[in-house]
Amino acid sequence: MFSALPSRADIARRSRHVRLVPLAEVAHLSLHRRALGCAIVIRAARLAAISAMAGRPEQAHKAVARLRQLNPALRVSTLKDVVGPYRRAEDISRLEEGLRQAGLPE
């Protein structure tokens, strides 16, 4: 009357495009994706700050707009949470000043 549930091997054979991954690998990919996201935000912040300090306000405002798309909650005051404590204090203060010039909210 009731059929037995298919095994993992049966499911894998039937759906070759679906790969069953161990939970540890999923966690690793999640951490990797998060780290990659932070790196992209940091690069966008650097581009905005450098553009503003180099006297290119149009490029700086575009970079801030992109930065706000990537992380809408980012403010100059929360920048240290994104870049982490491993940066030098003078580098962070220079980045904050550039982002203020570029138009990132406090």
Foldseek 3Di string as FASTA:
>chain_A
DDDDDDDPVVVCVVDVVDDDDDPVVVVVVVVVVVVVLLVVLVVLLVQLLVCLVVPNQVSNLVSVVVSCVSPVPDALVCVCVSVDPPDDPVVSVSSSVSNVSNPGHD
